Amino acid sequence: MTVLIKSLQMATNPARIGREAAQPHDEAYSLFTCTTECSPLRKEVEINGVPLFMEVDMGASQSVMNQEAFERTVKLNDPRSSEKMKFTRMCPLKIWFSNRQQSLLASLVLLPICYLVLLYPSYHKQQDIWRYYTMSQDCIARLHNQSQRIVSSPCKPNSSQLELSVLYPGKPLGRIPVFVEKGKIPRPGNTFYQPPFGFRGCEEQLRKVMAMLPQTGLPKNLASTSCRRCIVVGNGGILRGSRLGPYIDQHNIVIRMNNGPVADHAADVGWKTTLRITYPEGAPKSPREYDPSSLFVVAPYKSMDLDWLNAMVSKEPMNLWQKMWFWQSVVESVPLEPQNYRILNLDIVRETALTFLGYPEPRHNQWRWKQVVPTLGVTSIIIALHLCDEVNLAGFGYDMSRPDLPLHYYETVRMDMMNIQAVHNVNGEKLFLAALVKGKVVNDLTGGVSW
């Protein structure tokens, strides 16, 4: 016996099928889902505890029977059918998530929420963070005495490089230009590493940007200096209240990173900037932070960074597609001229990672999940060792035993935010910096490396 069941409206009593299976009717049923793939095969169906044997002609496989899907032909068949499929009621939320497009939309909404939950411990109570950190007058006096002694002594040619060769015998600094030079742009296929360890895959982008830059080395006034004393100014919260600005400004070359501000903080960090090394997402938002006499050095961590640099130099806007490749908003104009720009030679990043930090050889991986990248701070120290005779540090050091301390001197982000990131090996870099200070390769003006 075959009975035709057709759904025309939402039903109220699906158990009637068990009692009235011999009579055709047009009752529809509540929403059901199957635990196995729905297909035009004979199945044993159980609705409200009443077993029925049905042949379900669903067309394409579908996991949810809604009103439209159920409005199909359903035939009662031989009770001896062997393959079973159980239908159960679904809650509205589960029905909504069963749609593939809706599930994708939900994922896109939930992922940022989960990430914000992870970041919350580092950002909450921002208004109170600076009350947990003060620098004593004794500490300030000690830092000033040390800094005065360092900057007032004669510059010693090649002193930092010589101490580095003693600390790391067999690992001399490579004869690597710090900035990409004209005439030395790699040809397509001649480099093995992709950014941030090489320019493989973006040689043409690099060539276009380099064509717009009139200069690629140090300015003549710096290049002609017989002995260069440099300082790499980190963004650490330990700088706040130090009043080291006058001592920092006495260096021949002052290297700053990313958006570390000078305006409103000159007493602690100085006003002088010779090199600002950054990637697009880290570039300062305020025009006040761009010194027209400084060099703006871009570290292209991905190929799209070169497109951003192209737009900044040419003063042309980026399109929406280009903007989508950055993990946070980037500045759309930089108030500098083409002669101010430089491109970091990515061989420096590779030398920092492989030679001095001992990271494993980077493997070709489209998403680079297992690639550990040096922080821009440690990379800047290696840059300084290439450019300078004496190298000093200020604003370095992560005191991970004090998660409530400020991470940066200019904002209220807490120290424990460093526990969230997975791109940098913070503990490995701390050991490297401590070795440099202990080996007298560099001097630490703020004393944060010994934390």
Protein backbone atom coordinates (compact mmCIF):
# COMPACT_ATOMS: atom_id res chain seq x y z
CA MET A 1 0.00 0.00 0.00
CA THR A 2 1.34 3.46 -0.94
CA VAL A 3 0.13 6.69 0.66
CA LEU A 4 1.01 10.17 -0.69
CA ILE A 5 1.82 12.80 1.94
CA LYS A 6 2.17 16.46 0.86
CA SER A 7 3.03 19.41 3.14
CA LEU A 8 1.11 22.62 2.51
CA GLN A 9 1.21 24.38 5.91
CA MET A 10 2.93 24.04 9.27
CA ALA A 11 1.53 21.08 11.18
CA THR A 12 0.48 20.71 14.76
CA ASN A 13 0.29 16.96 15.33
CA PRO A 14 2.82 14.83 13.41
CA ALA A 15 1.80 11.75 15.45
CA ARG A 16 -1.30 11.48 13.25
CA ILE A 17 0.84 9.75 10.66
CA GLY A 18 0.99 6.67 12.88
CA ARG A 19 -2.81 6.52 13.19
CA GLU A 20 -3.91 7.69 9.76
CA ALA A 21 -1.18 6.29 7.52
CA ALA A 22 -3.82 4.63 5.33
CA GLN A 23 -5.47 7.90 4.34
CA PRO A 24 -4.03 10.67 2.17
CA HIS A 25 -3.83 14.05 3.88
CA ASP A 26 -2.23 17.44 3.42
CA GLU A 27 -0.88 18.04 6.94
CA ALA A 28 2.60 19.56 7.18
CA TYR A 29 5.02 18.84 9.99
CA SER A 30 7.40 20.70 12.25
CA LEU A 31 11.05 21.04 11.25
CA PHE A 32 13.09 17.82 11.25
CA THR A 33 16.68 16.88 10.54
CA CYS A 34 18.28 13.57 9.61
CA THR A 35 21.32 12.09 11.27
CA THR A 36 22.52 10.51 8.01
CA GLU A 37 22.62 11.84 4.48
CA CYS A 38 19.14 12.43 3.03
CA SER A 39 18.81 10.69 -0.32
CA PRO A 40 16.04 9.08 -2.42
CA LEU A 41 16.37 5.70 -0.63
CA ARG A 42 14.00 3.77 1.59
CA LYS A 43 14.48 4.75 5.22
CA GLU A 44 12.96 3.84 8.55
CA VAL A 45 11.58 7.04 10.05
CA GLU A 46 10.63 7.64 13.65
CA ILE A 47 8.35 10.59 14.43
CA ASN A 48 7.19 11.12 18.03
CA GLY A 49 8.14 7.52 18.80
CA VAL A 50 6.04 6.10 15.92
CA PRO A 51 8.21 4.05 13.48
CA LEU A 52 7.37 4.49 9.80
CA PHE A 53 9.04 3.17 6.68
CA MET A 54 9.32 5.85 4.04
CA GLU A 55 10.93 6.51 0.70
CA VAL A 56 12.00 10.14 0.77
CA ASP A 57 12.49 11.83 -2.60
CA MET A 58 14.51 14.85 -1.47
CA GLY A 59 16.41 15.56 -4.69
CA ALA A 60 19.82 16.94 -3.67
CA SER A 61 21.17 15.84 -0.26
CA GLN A 62 19.99 18.10 2.51
CA SER A 63 20.42 18.05 6.27
CA VAL A 64 17.34 20.10 7.19
CA MET A 65 13.71 19.51 6.15
CA ASN A 66 12.06 22.89 6.32
CA GLN A 67 8.61 23.74 4.96
CA GLU A 68 9.86 24.08 1.40
CA ALA A 69 11.95 20.90 1.54
CA PHE A 70 9.19 18.86 3.14
CA GLU A 71 6.73 19.90 0.45
CA ARG A 72 7.82 16.94 -1.62
CA THR A 73 6.55 13.48 -2.33
CA VAL A 74 6.91 11.01 0.56
CA LYS A 75 5.82 7.41 0.05
CA LEU A 76 5.16 4.81 2.73
CA ASN A 77 6.79 1.53 1.76
CA ASP A 78 7.73 -1.95 2.81
CA PRO A 79 8.32 -2.17 6.59
CA ARG A 80 11.17 -4.62 5.96
CA SER A 81 13.47 -1.83 4.70
CA SER A 82 16.88 -2.31 6.34
CA GLU A 83 18.49 1.18 6.19
CA LYS A 84 17.48 3.53 8.98
CA MET A 85 17.28 7.30 9.25
CA LYS A 86 15.97 9.01 12.36
CA PHE A 87 14.23 12.41 12.23
CA THR A 88 14.23 14.58 15.35
CA ARG A 89 12.96 18.03 16.15
CA MET A 90 15.43 20.90 15.78
CA CYS A 91 15.73 24.14 17.73
CA PRO A 92 15.64 27.30 15.57
CA LEU A 93 19.32 28.12 16.30
CA LYS A 94 20.47 24.73 15.03
CA ILE A 95 18.35 25.11 11.91
CA TRP A 96 19.87 28.54 11.26
CA PHE A 97 23.43 27.21 11.59
CA SER A 98 22.78 24.32 9.21
CA ASN A 99 22.79 26.68 6.27
CA ARG A 100 26.35 26.88 4.94
CA GLN A 101 26.31 30.59 4.14
CA GLN A 102 24.83 31.44 7.49
CA SER A 103 27.46 29.32 9.23
CA LEU A 104 30.21 31.18 7.40
CA LEU A 105 28.71 34.51 8.41
CA ALA A 106 28.48 33.35 12.01
CA SER A 107 32.13 32.28 11.95
CA LEU A 108 33.21 35.66 10.67
CA VAL A 109 31.32 37.31 13.52
CA LEU A 110 32.42 34.92 16.27
CA LEU A 111 36.15 34.86 15.44
CA PRO A 112 36.74 38.58 16.11
CA ILE A 113 34.68 38.31 19.29
CA CYS A 114 36.86 35.44 20.53
CA TYR A 115 39.99 37.43 19.71
CA LEU A 116 38.69 40.46 21.61
CA VAL A 117 38.00 38.22 24.59
CA LEU A 118 41.65 37.15 24.52
CA LEU A 119 42.82 40.74 24.33
CA TYR A 120 40.51 42.00 27.07
CA PRO A 121 42.82 41.17 30.01
CA SER A 122 45.55 43.32 28.45
CA TYR A 123 43.34 46.32 27.81
CA HIS A 124 40.87 46.54 30.66
CA LYS A 125 41.34 49.05 33.47
CA GLN A 126 43.42 51.19 31.10
CA GLN A 127 42.77 54.36 33.06
CA ASP A 128 44.53 52.93 36.15
CA ILE A 129 47.60 51.32 34.60
CA TRP A 130 50.10 54.14 35.19
CA ARG A 131 49.45 54.25 38.90
CA TYR A 132 51.14 50.85 39.14
CA TYR A 133 54.37 52.16 37.64
CA THR A 134 56.59 54.96 38.90
CA MET A 135 60.34 55.51 38.62
CA SER A 136 62.05 56.47 41.85
CA GLN A 137 64.33 59.49 42.05
CA ASP A 138 67.24 57.22 42.96
CA CYS A 139 66.68 55.17 39.82
CA ILE A 140 66.47 58.31 37.67
CA ALA A 141 69.72 59.66 39.15
CA ARG A 142 71.49 56.34 38.54
CA LEU A 143 70.35 56.23 34.88
CA HIS A 144 71.43 59.84 34.33
CA ASN A 145 74.88 59.25 35.79
CA GLN A 146 75.42 56.21 33.61
CA SER A 147 74.15 57.97 30.48
CA GLN A 148 76.29 61.04 31.10
CA ARG A 149 79.37 58.87 31.48
CA ILE A 150 78.64 57.05 28.19
CA VAL A 151 77.84 60.03 25.97
CA SER A 152 80.66 62.21 27.32
CA SER A 153 83.40 59.64 26.64
CA PRO A 154 85.19 59.61 23.26
CA CYS A 155 83.65 57.41 20.57
CA LYS A 156 85.62 54.21 20.03
CA PRO A 157 85.74 53.10 16.38
CA ASN A 158 84.37 49.60 15.72
CA SER A 159 84.02 48.90 19.44
CA SER A 160 80.60 47.22 19.25
CA GLN A 161 81.57 45.06 16.27
CA LEU A 162 84.75 43.92 18.00
CA GLU A 163 82.88 42.93 21.16
CA LEU A 164 80.28 41.12 19.03
CA SER A 165 83.01 39.04 17.36
CA VAL A 166 84.26 38.03 20.81
CA LEU A 167 80.77 37.15 22.03
CA TYR A 168 79.87 35.24 18.86
CA PRO A 169 83.11 33.87 17.38
CA GLY A 170 82.59 32.57 13.90
CA LYS A 171 79.46 34.72 13.45
CA PRO A 172 80.73 38.01 12.07
CA LEU A 173 78.34 40.60 10.71
CA GLY A 174 77.81 39.91 7.04
CA ARG A 175 78.87 42.40 4.40
CA ILE A 176 75.25 43.27 3.84
CA PRO A 177 73.98 46.74 2.87
CA VAL A 178 71.35 47.85 5.34
CA PHE A 179 69.14 49.37 2.64
CA VAL A 180 68.20 48.00 -0.75
CA GLU A 181 70.54 49.56 -3.31
CA LYS A 182 69.91 50.42 -6.92
CA GLY A 183 71.58 48.01 -9.28
CA LYS A 184 71.36 45.22 -6.69
CA ILE A 185 67.67 44.41 -6.98
CA PRO A 186 67.28 40.63 -7.22
CA ARG A 187 65.99 39.21 -10.47
CA PRO A 188 62.82 37.10 -10.40
CA GLY A 189 63.69 33.57 -9.31
CA ASN A 190 67.16 34.49 -8.01
CA THR A 191 66.10 34.73 -4.37
CA PHE A 192 65.01 31.74 -2.34
CA TYR A 193 63.16 33.46 0.52
CA GLN A 194 59.84 35.26 0.57
CA PRO A 195 59.22 38.31 2.80
CA PRO A 196 60.20 38.97 5.52
CA PHE A 197 63.40 37.02 4.81
CA GLY A 198 63.78 37.87 1.13
CA PHE A 199 62.10 39.44 -1.88
CA ARG A 200 61.05 36.30 -3.73
CA GLY A 201 57.76 36.86 -5.55
CA CYS A 202 57.79 40.66 -5.25
CA GLU A 203 60.84 41.62 -7.31
CA GLU A 204 58.81 43.66 -9.78
CA GLN A 205 57.06 45.58 -6.99
CA LEU A 206 60.47 46.33 -5.48
CA ARG A 207 61.81 47.52 -8.83
CA LYS A 208 58.92 49.96 -9.31
CA VAL A 209 59.40 51.53 -5.87
CA MET A 210 63.17 51.76 -6.19
CA ALA A 211 62.76 53.64 -9.47
CA MET A 212 61.05 56.45 -7.52
CA LEU A 213 63.73 56.79 -4.81
CA PRO A 214 66.55 59.21 -5.65
CA GLN A 215 68.82 58.05 -2.77
CA THR A 216 69.36 54.65 -1.19
CA GLY A 217 72.16 55.05 1.37
CA LEU A 218 72.95 57.12 4.45
CA PRO A 219 72.93 60.91 3.98
CA LYS A 220 76.38 62.32 3.25
CA ASN A 221 76.66 64.08 6.60
CA LEU A 222 76.28 60.75 8.43
CA ALA A 223 78.26 58.64 6.00
CA SER A 224 81.28 60.92 6.40
CA THR A 225 81.30 60.75 10.21
CA SER A 226 84.50 59.01 11.33
CA CYS A 227 82.98 57.38 14.43
CA ARG A 228 79.24 57.01 14.78
CA ARG A 229 77.62 56.58 18.17
CA CYS A 230 74.06 55.27 17.83
CA ILE A 231 71.15 54.56 20.11
CA VAL A 232 68.18 52.30 19.40
CA VAL A 233 65.17 53.69 21.25
CA GLY A 234 62.63 51.00 22.04
CA ASN A 235 59.02 51.71 22.95
CA GLY A 236 59.13 50.13 26.40
CA GLY A 237 57.17 51.60 29.28
CA ILE A 238 60.41 51.79 31.27
CA LEU A 239 61.19 55.04 29.41
CA ARG A 240 58.26 56.84 31.01
CA GLY A 241 59.51 59.23 33.67
CA SER A 242 63.19 58.51 32.95
CA ARG A 243 63.94 62.01 31.60
CA LEU A 244 66.65 60.57 29.39
CA GLY A 245 65.71 62.73 26.40
CA PRO A 246 68.78 65.04 26.50
CA TYR A 247 71.16 62.08 26.63
CA ILE A 248 69.41 60.27 23.78
CA ASP A 249 69.65 63.35 21.57
CA GLN A 250 73.45 63.50 21.96
CA HIS A 251 73.91 60.42 19.75
CA ASN A 252 74.94 60.74 16.10
CA ILE A 253 72.16 58.39 15.01
CA VAL A 254 68.87 57.90 16.86
CA ILE A 255 66.84 54.93 15.64
CA ARG A 256 63.16 54.70 16.50
CA MET A 257 60.62 52.06 15.60
CA ASN A 258 57.04 52.01 14.42
CA ASN A 259 54.77 54.63 15.95
CA GLY A 260 56.89 55.42 19.01
CA PRO A 261 56.02 59.11 19.47
CA VAL A 262 58.36 62.00 20.16
CA ALA A 263 55.75 64.73 20.51
CA ASP A 264 54.62 65.11 24.13
CA HIS A 265 57.31 62.66 25.28
CA ALA A 266 60.56 64.45 24.40
CA ALA A 267 61.65 64.80 28.03
CA ASP A 268 61.82 61.01 28.34
CA VAL A 269 62.68 59.86 24.80
CA GLY A 270 64.27 62.91 23.15
CA TRP A 271 63.15 64.75 20.03
CA LYS A 272 65.83 63.67 17.54
CA THR A 273 65.02 60.97 14.97
CA THR A 274 67.57 59.86 12.38
CA LEU A 275 65.94 56.61 11.26
CA ARG A 276 62.38 55.49 11.88
CA ILE A 277 62.04 51.82 10.97
CA THR A 278 58.52 50.50 10.53
CA TYR A 279 56.10 48.38 8.56
CA PRO A 280 52.82 49.87 7.22
CA GLU A 281 50.62 48.88 10.17
CA GLY A 282 53.12 50.40 12.62
CA ALA A 283 53.65 53.75 10.89
CA PRO A 284 52.74 56.81 13.00
CA LYS A 285 49.26 58.20 12.48
CA SER A 286 50.18 61.75 13.51
CA PRO A 287 51.98 63.96 10.95
CA ARG A 288 53.93 65.49 13.86
CA GLU A 289 56.00 62.31 14.16
CA TYR A 290 57.56 62.62 10.70
CA ASP A 291 60.82 64.56 10.89
CA PRO A 292 61.61 65.97 7.41
CA SER A 293 65.32 65.48 8.08
CA SER A 294 64.97 61.80 9.04
CA LEU A 295 64.96 58.60 7.02
CA PHE A 296 61.75 56.60 6.87
CA VAL A 297 62.84 52.96 6.56
CA VAL A 298 60.15 50.47 5.53
CA ALA A 299 60.54 46.82 6.53
CA PRO A 300 58.38 44.92 4.00
CA TYR A 301 57.13 41.92 5.96
CA LYS A 302 54.81 40.99 3.08
CA SER A 303 54.65 41.83 -0.62
CA MET A 304 51.67 44.16 -0.16
CA ASP A 305 53.87 46.41 2.02
CA LEU A 306 55.71 47.43 -1.13
CA ASP A 307 52.43 48.45 -2.75
CA TRP A 308 51.71 50.59 0.30
CA LEU A 309 55.17 52.18 0.03
CA ASN A 310 54.57 52.82 -3.67
CA ALA A 311 51.36 54.68 -2.78
CA MET A 312 53.11 56.73 -0.08
CA VAL A 313 55.99 57.80 -2.31
CA SER A 314 53.81 58.54 -5.34
CA LYS A 315 51.15 60.28 -3.18
CA GLU A 316 48.45 58.13 -4.76
CA PRO A 317 45.63 56.45 -2.82
CA MET A 318 45.43 52.70 -2.38
CA ASN A 319 42.38 50.85 -3.63
CA LEU A 320 40.06 48.85 -1.39
CA TRP A 321 41.57 45.52 -2.43
CA GLN A 322 45.03 46.64 -1.34
CA LYS A 323 43.78 47.90 2.02
CA MET A 324 42.22 44.52 2.83
CA TRP A 325 45.64 42.84 3.15
CA PHE A 326 46.69 44.70 6.29
CA TRP A 327 45.89 43.37 9.74
CA GLN A 328 45.01 46.84 10.99
CA SER A 329 44.35 50.24 9.41
CA VAL A 330 47.34 51.95 7.82
CA VAL A 331 48.08 55.60 7.19
CA GLU A 332 47.09 56.76 3.73
CA SER A 333 49.64 59.55 3.41
CA VAL A 334 53.10 60.26 4.81
CA PRO A 335 54.31 63.89 4.85
CA LEU A 336 57.79 63.10 3.52
CA GLU A 337 59.55 63.44 0.17
CA PRO A 338 60.95 60.57 -1.94
CA GLN A 339 64.51 61.28 -0.74
CA ASN A 340 63.44 60.43 2.83
CA TYR A 341 62.44 56.84 2.04
CA ARG A 342 64.57 53.73 2.31
CA ILE A 343 63.72 50.02 2.00
CA LEU A 344 65.23 47.66 4.53
CA ASN A 345 67.34 44.94 2.99
CA LEU A 346 65.56 41.76 4.12
CA ASP A 347 68.91 39.97 4.31
CA ILE A 348 69.26 41.86 7.61
CA VAL A 349 66.08 40.25 8.95
CA ARG A 350 67.31 36.84 7.86
CA GLU A 351 70.73 37.42 9.44
CA THR A 352 69.05 38.45 12.71
CA ALA A 353 66.85 35.35 12.75
CA LEU A 354 69.23 32.64 11.58
CA THR A 355 72.70 33.81 12.63
CA PHE A 356 72.11 35.54 15.96
CA LEU A 357 68.77 34.26 17.28
CA GLY A 358 69.35 30.72 16.00
CA TYR A 359 65.90 30.31 14.47
CA PRO A 360 65.38 27.36 12.10
CA GLU A 361 65.65 27.85 8.37
CA PRO A 362 62.34 29.32 7.14
CA ARG A 363 60.29 26.86 5.14
CA HIS A 364 58.16 27.71 2.16
CA ASN A 365 54.63 27.84 3.50
CA GLN A 366 51.84 29.84 1.94
CA TRP A 367 50.38 30.85 5.31
CA ARG A 368 53.68 30.83 7.25
CA TRP A 369 52.07 29.40 10.39
CA LYS A 370 55.36 28.07 11.79
CA GLN A 371 57.54 31.01 10.81
CA VAL A 372 59.06 32.85 13.77
CA VAL A 373 60.03 36.44 12.94
CA PRO A 374 62.40 38.65 14.95
CA THR A 375 60.85 41.71 16.53
CA LEU A 376 61.62 44.99 14.83
CA GLY A 377 63.48 46.01 17.99
CA VAL A 378 66.09 43.24 17.78
CA THR A 379 66.32 43.70 14.00
CA SER A 380 67.01 47.41 14.58
CA ILE A 381 69.87 46.53 16.93
CA ILE A 382 71.50 44.46 14.19
CA ILE A 383 70.95 47.38 11.81
CA ALA A 384 72.72 49.66 14.30
CA LEU A 385 75.63 47.23 14.58
CA HIS A 386 76.01 47.42 10.79
CA LEU A 387 75.85 51.23 10.70
CA CYS A 388 77.55 52.36 13.90
CA ASP A 389 80.79 52.07 15.85
CA GLU A 390 79.14 52.26 19.27
CA VAL A 391 75.59 51.06 19.96
CA ASN A 392 73.43 51.93 22.99
CA LEU A 393 69.88 50.93 23.90
CA ALA A 394 67.01 52.57 25.74
CA GLY A 395 63.45 51.38 26.31
CA PHE A 396 64.11 47.65 25.92
CA GLY A 397 63.07 44.78 28.16
CA TYR A 398 59.91 42.83 29.00
CA ASP A 399 59.28 42.17 32.68
CA MET A 400 56.87 39.26 32.24
CA SER A 401 56.76 38.72 36.01
CA ARG A 402 54.83 42.00 36.26
CA PRO A 403 51.92 41.60 33.81
CA ASP A 404 50.24 44.76 35.08
CA LEU A 405 53.10 47.06 34.03
CA PRO A 406 52.73 49.27 30.91
CA LEU A 407 54.10 47.68 27.76
CA HIS A 408 54.75 51.00 25.96
CA TYR A 409 55.61 54.45 27.27
CA TYR A 410 52.90 56.17 25.24
CA GLU A 411 49.79 54.03 25.83
CA THR A 412 47.99 51.91 28.42
CA VAL A 413 48.49 48.43 26.99
CA ARG A 414 49.66 46.03 29.67
CA MET A 415 52.77 43.86 29.66
CA ASP A 416 50.80 40.59 29.49
CA MET A 417 49.69 41.38 25.96
CA MET A 418 53.01 39.87 24.84
CA ASN A 419 51.72 36.49 26.02
CA ILE A 420 49.05 36.56 23.33
CA GLN A 421 51.19 36.98 20.23
CA ALA A 422 52.76 33.91 18.64
CA VAL A 423 54.91 35.52 15.93
CA HIS A 424 57.93 36.42 18.08
CA ASN A 425 60.06 34.39 20.46
CA VAL A 426 60.17 36.89 23.33
CA ASN A 427 62.13 34.67 25.72
CA GLY A 428 64.77 33.89 23.10
CA GLU A 429 65.19 37.58 22.31
CA LYS A 430 65.51 38.45 26.02
CA LEU A 431 68.42 36.03 26.32
CA PHE A 432 70.05 37.49 23.21
CA LEU A 433 69.74 41.07 24.47
CA ALA A 434 71.04 40.09 27.92
CA ALA A 435 74.07 38.49 26.26
CA LEU A 436 74.75 41.66 24.26
CA VAL A 437 74.63 43.82 27.39
CA LYS A 438 76.70 41.43 29.49
CA GLY A 439 79.25 41.10 26.68
CA LYS A 440 79.49 44.91 26.43
CA VAL A 441 78.43 44.85 22.81
CA VAL A 442 75.78 47.44 23.69
CA ASN A 443 75.04 49.66 26.68
CA ASP A 444 71.55 49.64 28.20
CA LEU A 445 70.69 53.17 29.34
CA THR A 446 67.40 52.22 31.00
CA GLY A 447 68.42 48.90 32.57
CA GLY A 448 65.35 47.02 31.37
CA VAL A 449 67.25 44.21 29.63
CA SER A 450 68.42 42.81 32.97
CA TRP A 451 64.80 42.18 34.11
